[in-house]
Amino acid sequence: MSNKDDESIEMIYSKSCLDLNMDMETKLDAWRSYEHIRKHYVLEGDQLHCVEHVFNISSIIFEKYRKIFIEIFGGNQYKRTSNQINPKLNTKNKLNKCSHQDLYSLLWTIYALAKTIYPLTINDLIASFHLLISSFFFYL
C-alpha cells in the first residue's frame, strides 16, 4: 500500500473519530488494532471497515463494562467517595480507600492490559466480553 493510500485512510479515520466525538484513548486503541491487523493479515476491500469493526466491538464492551461496574459497585463511577484520606491523620497503619473513579480506571486498565496480552480477542466480541468478566473476577 502506498503512502498516499495510508494518508487517505488515516484522514477518513480521523474525520470519523471527530464526527463521533471519540476520546483520544479509544481512537488510538482502535488505530493500533487496525495497524496490528494490517501488519499481520491480508486485508481485502475497504480497510476502514476493519477499523470500524474493531471500534464497534470496543464500544459495545465499554458500554457493558459501565453497566456491570454500576451493578456490582453501585453509585456513580465518577463521583469521589467521602472516605478519602485526611492528610492530617497518621496514615502509616491505615489502609488507603479507593474511590469509585480510581476503581473504574483500574478495572478498565486491567482489561486493556489483558487485551494486549491476548491479541486474538481484538475482533471477537464474545472473547472480549469474557476477558472483561475475567478482569472483574481478577479484582474481586
Protein backbone atom coordinates (compact mmCIF):
# COMPACT_ATOMS: atom_id res chain seq x y z
CA MET A 1 0.00 0.00 0.00
CA SER A 2 1.35 3.44 -0.88
CA ASN A 3 1.84 6.35 1.48
CA LYS A 4 -0.93 8.19 -0.34
CA ASP A 5 -3.39 5.39 0.45
CA ASP A 6 -2.23 5.33 4.08
CA GLU A 7 -2.74 9.08 4.41
CA SER A 8 -6.18 8.82 2.82
CA ILE A 9 -7.27 6.07 5.22
CA GLU A 10 -5.89 7.99 8.19
CA MET A 11 -7.71 11.17 7.11
CA ILE A 12 -11.01 9.30 6.74
CA TYR A 13 -10.44 7.63 10.11
CA SER A 14 -9.63 10.95 11.83
CA LYS A 15 -12.73 12.56 10.34
CA SER A 16 -14.88 9.64 11.50
CA CYS A 17 -13.43 9.89 15.02
CA LEU A 18 -14.09 13.62 15.07
CA ASP A 19 -17.68 13.10 13.89
CA LEU A 20 -18.21 10.53 16.65
CA ASN A 21 -16.61 12.81 19.27
CA MET A 22 -14.35 9.91 20.24
CA ASP A 23 -11.92 10.27 23.13
CA MET A 24 -8.22 10.09 22.30
CA GLU A 25 -7.54 6.80 24.14
CA THR A 26 -10.25 4.92 22.23
CA LYS A 27 -9.15 6.50 18.95
CA LEU A 28 -5.54 5.42 19.45
CA ASP A 29 -6.57 1.94 20.64
CA ALA A 30 -8.66 1.36 17.52
CA TRP A 31 -5.88 2.69 15.24
CA ARG A 32 -3.28 0.43 16.90
CA SER A 33 -5.61 -2.53 16.41
CA TYR A 34 -6.01 -1.61 12.75
CA GLU A 35 -2.24 -1.34 12.26
CA HIS A 36 -1.68 -4.68 14.00
CA ILE A 37 -4.25 -6.39 11.78
CA ARG A 38 -2.90 -4.74 8.63
CA LYS A 39 0.64 -5.82 9.51
CA HIS A 40 -0.21 -9.44 10.31
CA TYR A 41 -3.10 -10.18 7.95
CA VAL A 42 -4.01 -9.51 4.34
CA LEU A 43 -6.88 -7.06 4.20
CA GLU A 44 -9.01 -7.06 1.10
CA GLY A 45 -11.52 -4.40 0.21
CA ASP A 46 -12.20 -1.31 2.28
CA GLN A 47 -9.74 -1.29 5.19
CA LEU A 48 -11.76 1.30 7.08
CA HIS A 49 -14.40 -1.41 7.56
CA CYS A 50 -11.89 -3.38 9.67
CA VAL A 51 -11.20 -0.35 11.89
CA GLU A 52 -14.94 0.28 12.27
CA HIS A 53 -15.45 -3.34 13.30
CA VAL A 54 -12.75 -3.18 15.99
CA PHE A 55 -14.11 0.13 17.28
CA ASN A 56 -17.65 -1.25 17.33
CA ILE A 57 -16.54 -4.18 19.48
CA SER A 58 -14.65 -1.84 21.82
CA SER A 59 -17.64 0.47 22.22
CA ILE A 60 -20.00 -2.44 22.96
CA ILE A 61 -17.59 -3.84 25.54
CA PHE A 62 -17.17 -0.40 27.16
CA GLU A 63 -20.96 0.02 27.49
CA LYS A 64 -21.21 -3.44 29.07
CA TYR A 65 -18.31 -2.56 31.36
CA ARG A 66 -20.04 0.60 32.55
CA LYS A 67 -23.29 -1.24 33.31
CA ILE A 68 -21.54 -4.12 35.09
CA PHE A 69 -19.44 -1.71 37.16
CA ILE A 70 -22.51 0.19 38.34
CA GLU A 71 -24.35 -3.09 39.02
CA ILE A 72 -21.52 -4.50 41.15
CA PHE A 73 -20.18 -1.41 42.89
CA GLY A 74 -23.23 0.87 42.65
CA GLY A 75 -23.29 4.62 42.52
CA ASN A 76 -21.74 6.98 40.06
CA GLN A 77 -18.30 5.84 38.95
CA TYR A 78 -17.11 9.43 38.52
CA LYS A 79 -18.13 10.60 41.99
CA ARG A 80 -15.40 10.67 44.59
CA THR A 81 -16.15 8.88 47.84
CA SER A 82 -16.34 10.78 51.09
CA ASN A 83 -13.88 8.35 52.68
CA GLN A 84 -10.84 9.91 51.12
CA ILE A 85 -7.72 10.16 53.18
CA ASN A 86 -7.37 13.12 55.50
CA PRO A 87 -3.79 14.32 55.07
CA LYS A 88 -3.66 15.41 58.74
CA LEU A 89 -4.17 11.86 60.00
CA ASN A 90 -1.33 9.46 60.54
CA THR A 91 -1.88 7.03 57.67
CA LYS A 92 1.08 4.83 58.42
CA ASN A 93 -1.03 1.91 59.68
CA LYS A 94 -4.28 2.71 57.87
CA LEU A 95 -5.41 1.37 54.52
CA ASN A 96 -6.00 3.89 51.78
CA LYS A 97 -9.55 3.98 50.46
CA CYS A 98 -10.08 3.69 46.74
CA SER A 99 -12.62 5.98 45.09
CA HIS A 100 -15.14 4.78 42.51
CA GLN A 101 -13.23 6.62 39.80
CA ASP A 102 -9.93 5.01 40.75
CA LEU A 103 -11.53 1.56 40.79
CA TYR A 104 -13.28 2.28 37.49
CA SER A 105 -9.94 3.21 35.89
CA LEU A 106 -8.11 0.28 37.48
CA LEU A 107 -10.53 -2.34 36.19
CA TRP A 108 -10.58 -0.88 32.67
CA THR A 109 -6.76 -0.78 32.70
CA ILE A 110 -6.64 -4.44 33.77
CA TYR A 111 -8.96 -5.28 30.87
CA ALA A 112 -6.87 -3.24 28.38
CA LEU A 113 -3.66 -4.88 29.58
CA ALA A 114 -5.18 -8.36 29.31
CA LYS A 115 -6.36 -7.50 25.81
CA THR A 116 -2.78 -6.71 24.76
CA ILE A 117 -1.58 -9.99 26.26
CA TYR A 118 -4.28 -11.92 24.36
CA PRO A 119 -4.48 -10.10 20.99
CA LEU A 120 -6.77 -12.74 19.44
CA THR A 121 -9.66 -11.15 21.36
CA ILE A 122 -9.46 -7.92 19.32
CA ASN A 123 -12.02 -8.98 16.69
CA ASP A 124 -14.12 -11.34 18.79
CA LEU A 125 -16.99 -9.86 20.80
CA ILE A 126 -17.58 -12.95 22.95
CA ALA A 127 -13.89 -13.40 23.77
CA SER A 128 -13.62 -9.69 24.62
CA PHE A 129 -16.64 -9.95 26.91
CA HIS A 130 -15.16 -13.00 28.67
CA LEU A 131 -11.92 -11.09 29.13
CA LEU A 132 -13.89 -8.19 30.64
CA ILE A 133 -15.65 -10.50 33.10
CA SER A 134 -12.29 -12.07 33.97
CA SER A 135 -10.97 -8.59 34.77
CA PHE A 136 -13.73 -8.18 37.35
CA PHE A 137 -13.00 -11.61 38.83
CA PHE A 138 -9.31 -10.72 38.99
CA TYR A 139 -10.15 -7.77 41.23
CA LEU A 140 -12.81 -9.48 43.31
